[in-house]
Amino acid sequence: MNVLMISMDYPPSVGGIAAHVFELSNALKSLGCEVSVATLKLNKEQKNEEIVDGIKIYRFDLKFIGLFYGYQINNFVKKLLIKNSFDIIHIHGIRPLEFYNIKNIPLVYTNHTSGYLKRIKKGGYRISLLKRLFSKPKLFLAPSEELLNVPFEINAKKVFISNGVISNKFTRKEDVRKRLRNELGIKDNEKLGIVTRRMVWKNGVNFLALATEYINNKDLKLLFIGDGEQFEEVKSILEKYFKNRFILLGPKKHNEIIDYYSAADLSILPSLMEATSISGLEAMAASLPLVGTNVGGIPVIIKDGENGFLCESQNPKDLALKIDKLLESDIVEMGKKSKEMVDIHFDWIEIAKETLKEYKAIL
């Protein structure tokens, strides 16, 4: 099967969608599919076309304002079709869907982002726009039940398929753990919580910062990897309530983040909106227990009391309570449960098999 992925986000871009498209593409390739990716050209140094690890990459430039991006992407894809034959076109994210009008190839759409949930809450003309856009796909996928919930009838088959992880990439390395903890100044008796989140509204990192006022455990330190519009706000709150107990590393490329999971003892997902969190799955693959909010796809990966604890969204006191509760538990055994869950349920090869089955069903 020859598959074309269309996504604004793809490595070296960071984030959940970029990671999803990259890993799914590679897993499908390993199952025998030919996979191409049409994505945004980030800089002049990037080639317009190249093959990377067996994946054909086609990069488009976008001009003018966002209103015209979808139109330009659609024209770019039409030009690709002159020289290429695809069995399936799979769009990730709203923007490439806006002006899409290719009729002779089955269209699959994955509804990734919390931006969709914001549109639904605001209602009005946005609902009419979504009705028009969602009439285009033949198969409608989402990595959480919340993102699968469309408040109007669509013709497409709707299927929940979670995000995944390549488990062995994140297996804890004791030598790396010792080195990084020494570099970060983490003592043997201290516990390190890792937060690999962009500091934007939906990820709720500011609520974690506020929760530090109520954390009782004196041995906990926090490591934040990521930046965003709330960076200074988060830093200011941490300086007030958690002084000398936090580290802000700023943004890192995905391959640079991996080792830091080995240095950590737990992971925290304070999200307001979330799919089956890729950063959460990565932490689980590194044998970390988690504390996360009871929203979106987080309850899919955190089984309360087994591999971590769920807390209320936007509730700093409850978040602090569950962090303390986790630190009073057997975090090693909970971490083993995380690793076991990932290996059984969330390996990208299994996710790709499920996706390929759904592709075949619409051909």
Protein backbone atom coordinates (compact mmCIF):
# COMPACT_ATOMS: atom_id res chain seq x y z
CA MET A 1 0.00 0.00 0.00
CA ASN A 2 1.26 3.47 -0.92
CA VAL A 3 0.39 6.08 1.73
CA LEU A 4 0.79 9.86 1.64
CA MET A 5 0.87 11.59 5.03
CA ILE A 6 0.13 15.32 5.06
CA SER A 7 1.13 17.25 8.17
CA MET A 8 2.35 20.74 9.01
CA ASP A 9 4.42 19.12 11.79
CA TYR A 10 7.22 16.64 11.20
CA PRO A 11 10.73 16.27 12.68
CA PRO A 12 12.86 18.25 13.27
CA SER A 13 9.73 20.05 14.51
CA VAL A 14 8.87 18.92 18.02
CA GLY A 15 5.52 18.11 19.55
CA GLY A 16 2.94 15.37 19.67
CA ILE A 17 1.73 15.56 16.07
CA ALA A 18 5.27 15.57 14.65
CA ALA A 19 6.19 12.54 16.77
CA HIS A 20 2.94 10.74 15.85
CA VAL A 21 3.37 11.20 12.09
CA PHE A 22 7.06 10.24 12.22
CA GLU A 23 6.59 7.07 14.28
CA LEU A 24 3.43 5.93 12.48
CA SER A 25 5.11 6.44 9.09
CA ASN A 26 8.12 4.38 10.11
CA ALA A 27 5.99 1.64 11.64
CA LEU A 28 3.85 1.40 8.49
CA LYS A 29 7.03 1.20 6.43
CA SER A 30 8.22 -1.71 8.55
CA LEU A 31 4.91 -3.45 7.76
CA GLY A 32 5.62 -3.21 4.03
CA CYS A 33 3.89 0.04 3.09
CA GLU A 34 5.44 2.72 0.91
CA VAL A 35 5.14 5.95 2.87
CA SER A 36 5.59 9.55 1.76
CA VAL A 37 5.20 12.69 3.86
CA ALA A 38 4.21 16.15 2.63
CA THR A 39 5.21 18.68 5.27
CA LEU A 40 6.23 22.28 5.86
CA LYS A 41 9.70 23.43 4.82
CA LEU A 42 11.18 24.98 7.96
CA ASN A 43 14.24 26.71 6.50
CA LYS A 44 16.24 27.20 3.31
CA GLU A 45 18.72 24.49 4.28
CA GLN A 46 16.08 21.77 4.05
CA LYS A 47 15.74 20.01 0.71
CA ASN A 48 12.47 20.19 -1.20
CA GLU A 49 12.58 16.43 -1.70
CA GLU A 50 14.63 13.70 -0.04
CA ILE A 51 14.43 10.16 1.29
CA VAL A 52 15.13 9.79 5.00
CA ASP A 53 15.27 6.26 6.43
CA GLY A 54 13.13 4.99 3.56
CA ILE A 55 10.45 7.70 3.94
CA LYS A 56 10.01 10.07 0.99
CA ILE A 57 9.79 13.65 2.27
CA TYR A 58 8.21 16.41 0.15
CA ARG A 59 8.40 19.91 1.65
CA PHE A 60 6.17 22.84 0.76
CA ASP A 61 6.66 26.58 1.33
CA LEU A 62 3.76 28.69 2.58
CA LYS A 63 3.32 32.37 1.76
CA PHE A 64 1.03 35.16 2.88
CA ILE A 65 -1.32 34.62 5.83
CA GLY A 66 -2.75 31.46 7.38
CA LEU A 67 -6.06 31.85 5.58
CA PHE A 68 -4.36 30.76 2.33
CA TYR A 69 -2.22 27.94 3.72
CA GLY A 70 -4.77 25.20 3.06
CA TYR A 71 -5.19 26.34 -0.54
CA GLN A 72 -1.41 26.20 -1.12
CA ILE A 73 -1.10 22.77 0.50
CA ASN A 74 -3.91 21.39 -1.66
CA ASN A 75 -2.22 22.66 -4.83
CA PHE A 76 1.10 21.16 -3.70
CA VAL A 77 -0.51 17.75 -3.17
CA LYS A 78 -2.20 17.89 -6.59
CA LYS A 79 1.20 18.42 -8.20
CA LEU A 80 2.55 15.41 -6.29
CA LEU A 81 -0.26 13.30 -7.72
CA ILE A 82 0.89 13.99 -11.27
CA LYS A 83 4.07 11.97 -10.66
CA ASN A 84 2.98 9.68 -7.83
CA SER A 85 0.24 7.13 -7.23
CA PHE A 86 -1.14 6.88 -3.69
CA ASP A 87 -3.72 4.42 -2.36
CA ILE A 88 -4.48 6.45 0.79
CA ILE A 89 -4.04 10.10 1.73
CA HIS A 90 -3.85 10.65 5.49
CA ILE A 91 -4.14 14.22 6.80
CA HIS A 92 -3.04 15.18 10.32
CA GLY A 93 -4.43 18.45 11.70
CA ILE A 94 -7.06 20.91 10.50
CA ARG A 95 -5.05 23.22 8.24
CA PRO A 96 -4.36 20.81 5.32
CA LEU A 97 -8.04 19.82 5.36
CA GLU A 98 -9.38 23.33 4.74
CA PHE A 99 -9.16 23.50 0.92
CA TYR A 100 -8.72 19.79 0.28
CA ASN A 101 -10.79 18.69 -2.76
CA ILE A 102 -9.12 15.54 -4.14
CA LYS A 103 -11.92 13.08 -4.89
CA ASN A 104 -10.41 9.91 -6.34
CA ILE A 105 -8.26 8.76 -3.37
CA PRO A 106 -9.73 7.71 0.00
CA LEU A 107 -9.02 10.36 2.64
CA VAL A 108 -8.16 9.55 6.24
CA TYR A 109 -8.13 12.32 8.84
CA THR A 110 -6.66 12.20 12.35
CA ASN A 111 -8.18 14.73 14.73
CA HIS A 112 -5.18 15.47 16.94
CA THR A 113 -5.46 18.81 18.58
CA SER A 114 -7.14 20.57 21.45
CA GLY A 115 -7.80 23.42 19.03
CA TYR A 116 -10.73 21.33 17.84
CA LEU A 117 -12.14 21.17 21.37
CA LYS A 118 -11.84 24.95 21.68
CA ARG A 119 -13.80 25.40 18.45
CA ILE A 120 -16.54 23.10 19.71
CA LYS A 121 -16.83 25.01 22.99
CA LYS A 122 -17.01 28.38 21.22
CA GLY A 123 -19.68 27.09 18.82
CA GLY A 124 -21.33 29.43 16.32
CA TYR A 125 -19.93 29.60 12.79
CA ARG A 126 -17.08 27.29 13.86
CA ILE A 127 -19.48 24.34 13.98
CA SER A 128 -20.60 25.02 10.40
CA LEU A 129 -16.94 25.15 9.34
CA LEU A 130 -16.18 21.84 11.05
CA LYS A 131 -19.23 20.22 9.42
CA ARG A 132 -17.85 21.21 6.02
CA LEU A 133 -14.34 20.00 6.79
CA PHE A 134 -15.39 16.74 8.41
CA SER A 135 -17.58 15.83 5.42
CA LYS A 136 -14.38 15.18 3.43
CA PRO A 137 -12.72 12.15 5.13
CA LYS A 138 -13.84 8.58 4.60
CA LEU A 139 -12.15 7.50 7.83
CA PHE A 140 -12.00 9.73 10.94
CA LEU A 141 -9.37 8.75 13.53
CA ALA A 142 -8.55 10.26 16.92
CA PRO A 143 -6.04 9.44 19.68
CA SER A 144 -8.62 10.00 22.43
CA GLU A 145 -12.34 9.37 22.82
CA GLU A 146 -12.75 13.08 23.55
CA LEU A 147 -11.32 14.02 20.16
CA LEU A 148 -13.51 11.38 18.51
CA ASN A 149 -16.66 12.98 19.90
CA VAL A 150 -18.09 15.03 17.02
CA PRO A 151 -21.34 16.85 18.01
CA PHE A 152 -22.96 16.32 14.62
CA GLU A 153 -23.41 13.50 12.10
CA ILE A 154 -20.54 12.71 9.71
CA ASN A 155 -20.36 10.05 7.02
CA ALA A 156 -16.86 8.89 7.93
CA LYS A 157 -16.25 5.83 10.06
CA LYS A 158 -14.98 7.02 13.47
CA VAL A 159 -12.24 5.00 15.18
CA PHE A 160 -10.18 5.59 18.32
CA ILE A 161 -6.55 4.59 17.78
CA SER A 162 -4.15 5.67 20.50
CA ASN A 163 -0.74 7.23 20.15
CA GLY A 164 2.18 4.86 20.60
CA VAL A 165 5.83 4.63 21.52
CA ILE A 166 8.94 2.68 20.51
CA SER A 167 9.46 1.23 23.96
CA ASN A 168 13.10 0.15 23.72
CA LYS A 169 14.22 3.68 22.74
CA PHE A 170 13.34 4.86 26.24
CA THR A 171 14.48 1.94 28.38
CA ARG A 172 16.16 3.28 31.51
CA LYS A 173 19.97 3.37 31.36
CA GLU A 174 21.65 3.38 34.76
CA ASP A 175 24.92 4.88 33.54
CA VAL A 176 23.04 7.74 31.86
CA ARG A 177 20.95 8.19 34.99
CA LYS A 178 24.02 8.61 37.21
CA ARG A 179 25.74 10.99 34.82
CA LEU A 180 22.75 13.27 34.28
CA ARG A 181 21.72 13.36 37.93
CA ASN A 182 25.26 14.39 38.78
CA GLU A 183 25.18 17.11 36.10
CA LEU A 184 21.80 18.35 37.34
CA GLY A 185 22.87 18.30 41.00
CA ILE A 186 20.29 15.68 42.06
CA LYS A 187 21.28 13.81 45.23
CA ASP A 188 20.73 10.07 45.68
CA ASN A 189 17.97 10.60 48.24
CA GLU A 190 16.11 13.12 46.08
CA LYS A 191 13.27 12.27 43.71
CA LEU A 192 13.14 13.95 40.31
CA GLY A 193 9.85 14.65 38.55
CA ILE A 194 10.12 15.30 34.81
CA VAL A 195 7.77 17.54 32.84
CA THR A 196 8.32 17.42 29.06
CA ARG A 197 5.62 19.87 28.03
CA ARG A 198 5.45 23.07 26.03
CA MET A 199 4.37 25.82 28.40
CA VAL A 200 1.11 26.71 26.69
CA TRP A 201 -2.42 26.93 28.02
CA LYS A 202 -3.62 23.44 27.16
CA ASN A 203 -0.70 21.72 28.91
CA GLY A 204 -1.48 23.23 32.32
CA VAL A 205 2.15 23.62 33.42
CA ASN A 206 1.21 26.79 35.32
CA PHE A 207 -1.12 24.70 37.51
CA LEU A 208 1.77 22.39 38.34
CA ALA A 209 3.81 25.44 39.30
CA LEU A 210 0.97 26.57 41.57
CA ALA A 211 0.75 23.06 43.05
CA THR A 212 4.31 23.35 44.40
CA GLU A 213 2.96 25.56 47.20
CA TYR A 214 1.12 22.51 48.57
CA ILE A 215 3.64 19.68 47.97
CA ASN A 216 4.73 18.25 51.34
CA ASN A 217 7.56 15.97 50.19
CA LYS A 218 10.85 17.79 50.82
CA ASP A 219 12.95 15.48 48.63
CA LEU A 220 11.19 16.27 45.36
CA LYS A 221 12.80 18.32 42.62
CA LEU A 222 11.25 19.15 39.25
CA LEU A 223 12.84 19.17 35.80
CA PHE A 224 11.02 21.10 33.05
CA ILE A 225 11.87 20.63 29.36
CA GLY A 226 10.04 23.00 27.01
CA ASP A 227 9.21 26.63 26.47
CA GLY A 228 6.17 28.62 25.40
CA GLU A 229 4.02 31.62 26.17
CA GLN A 230 3.74 30.71 29.89
CA PHE A 231 7.48 30.22 30.48
CA GLU A 232 8.03 33.42 32.48
CA GLU A 233 4.81 32.93 34.44
CA VAL A 234 5.80 29.38 35.39
CA LYS A 235 9.32 30.46 36.31
CA SER A 236 8.00 33.27 38.54
CA ILE A 237 5.62 30.96 40.42
CA LEU A 238 8.33 28.34 40.94
CA GLU A 239 10.72 30.99 42.27
CA LYS A 240 8.04 31.89 44.82
CA TYR A 241 7.01 28.41 46.01
CA PHE A 242 9.77 25.96 44.95
CA LYS A 243 12.97 28.01 44.99
CA ASN A 244 16.18 26.01 44.40
CA ARG A 245 14.11 22.86 43.74
CA PHE A 246 13.45 23.19 40.01
CA ILE A 247 15.42 23.14 36.77
CA LEU A 248 14.27 24.81 33.55
CA LEU A 249 16.15 23.37 30.56
CA GLY A 250 14.08 25.17 27.93
CA PRO A 251 13.32 23.53 24.56
CA LYS A 252 15.16 20.40 23.44
CA LYS A 253 15.00 18.34 20.28
CA HIS A 254 13.19 15.05 20.72
CA ASN A 255 16.32 12.92 20.56
CA GLU A 256 17.89 15.15 23.23
CA ILE A 257 15.02 14.57 25.65
CA ILE A 258 15.23 10.77 25.72
CA ASP A 259 18.10 10.43 28.20
CA TYR A 260 16.46 12.72 30.74
CA TYR A 261 13.71 10.15 31.36
CA SER A 262 16.43 7.85 32.75
CA ALA A 263 17.41 10.55 35.25
CA ALA A 264 13.83 10.95 36.52
CA ASP A 265 11.74 9.05 39.08
CA LEU A 266 8.25 10.13 37.99
CA SER A 267 6.52 12.07 35.24
CA ILE A 268 3.76 14.68 35.59
CA LEU A 269 1.03 15.49 33.04
CA PRO A 270 -0.95 18.52 34.33
CA SER A 271 -2.86 18.94 31.05
CA LEU A 272 -6.18 20.70 30.57
CA MET A 273 -6.71 18.89 27.25
CA GLU A 274 -4.79 15.85 26.01
CA ALA A 275 -4.88 12.85 23.71
CA THR A 276 -3.07 9.64 24.66
CA SER A 277 -0.03 11.65 25.62
CA ILE A 278 3.12 10.71 23.71
CA SER A 279 5.34 12.24 26.39
CA GLY A 280 3.41 10.21 28.96
CA LEU A 281 3.96 7.01 26.97
CA GLU A 282 7.64 7.82 26.63
CA ALA A 283 7.91 8.23 30.40
CA MET A 284 6.13 4.91 30.89
CA ALA A 285 8.56 3.22 28.49
CA ALA A 286 11.33 4.51 30.76
CA SER A 287 9.65 2.73 33.70
CA LEU A 288 8.30 5.89 35.31
CA PRO A 289 5.03 6.15 37.25
CA LEU A 290 2.86 9.16 36.45
CA VAL A 291 0.57 11.74 37.95
CA GLY A 292 -1.84 13.19 35.41
CA THR A 293 -5.13 14.98 35.08
CA ASN A 294 -8.31 13.03 34.44
CA VAL A 295 -8.91 14.51 30.97
CA GLY A 296 -8.95 13.28 27.37
CA GLY A 297 -6.74 10.26 26.76
CA ILE A 298 -4.73 10.46 29.99
CA PRO A 299 -6.96 7.91 31.82
CA VAL A 300 -6.15 5.50 28.96
CA ILE A 301 -2.48 5.42 30.00
CA ILE A 302 -2.72 6.07 33.76
CA LYS A 303 -4.56 3.36 35.67
CA ASP A 304 -5.25 4.98 39.02
CA GLY A 305 -3.35 3.23 41.79
CA GLU A 306 -1.54 0.86 39.39
CA ASN A 307 1.03 2.90 37.47
CA GLY A 308 0.23 6.31 38.93
CA PHE A 309 -2.59 8.56 40.08
CA LEU A 310 -5.17 10.76 38.38
CA CYS A 311 -6.05 14.22 39.67
CA GLU A 312 -8.57 16.92 38.91
CA SER A 313 -7.72 19.31 36.09
CA GLN A 314 -6.87 22.92 37.06
CA ASN A 315 -6.74 21.94 40.74
CA PRO A 316 -3.26 22.66 42.20
CA LYS A 317 -4.13 21.24 45.63
CA ASP A 318 -5.36 17.92 44.24
CA LEU A 319 -2.34 17.72 41.93
CA ALA A 320 0.00 18.28 44.90
CA LEU A 321 -1.91 15.67 46.94
CA LYS A 322 -1.51 13.04 44.21
CA ILE A 323 2.19 13.82 43.74
CA ASP A 324 2.74 13.31 47.48
CA LYS A 325 0.65 10.14 47.36
CA LEU A 326 2.76 8.76 44.52
CA LEU A 327 5.99 9.55 46.36
CA GLU A 328 4.68 7.64 49.38
CA SER A 329 3.96 4.60 47.17
CA ASP A 330 6.25 1.96 45.69
CA ILE A 331 7.29 3.99 42.65
CA VAL A 332 9.60 1.26 41.37
CA GLU A 333 6.76 -1.28 41.14
CA MET A 334 4.44 1.33 39.62
CA GLY A 335 7.14 2.12 37.07
CA LYS A 336 7.42 -1.56 36.15
CA LYS A 337 3.66 -1.57 35.56
CA SER A 338 4.03 1.45 33.25
CA LYS A 339 6.66 -0.38 31.19
CA GLU A 340 4.50 -3.51 31.01
CA MET A 341 1.46 -1.52 29.83
CA VAL A 342 3.46 0.17 27.08
CA ASP A 343 4.94 -3.08 25.80
CA ILE A 344 1.54 -4.77 25.61
CA HIS A 345 -0.79 -2.00 24.46
CA PHE A 346 1.06 0.98 23.01
CA ASP A 347 3.88 -0.24 20.77
CA TRP A 348 3.87 1.68 17.46
CA ILE A 349 3.93 -1.52 15.44
CA GLU A 350 0.61 -2.54 17.01
CA ILE A 351 -0.78 0.95 16.42
CA ALA A 352 0.33 0.76 12.78
CA LYS A 353 -1.29 -2.67 12.34
CA GLU A 354 -4.58 -1.28 13.62
CA THR A 355 -4.29 1.77 11.36
CA LEU A 356 -3.47 -0.39 8.32
CA LYS A 357 -6.50 -2.55 9.02
CA GLU A 358 -8.70 0.55 8.92
CA TYR A 359 -7.02 1.77 5.72
CA LYS A 360 -7.84 -1.52 4.00
CA ALA A 361 -11.44 -1.36 5.15
CA ILE A 362 -12.09 1.86 3.16
CA LEU A 363 -10.35 0.87 -0.08
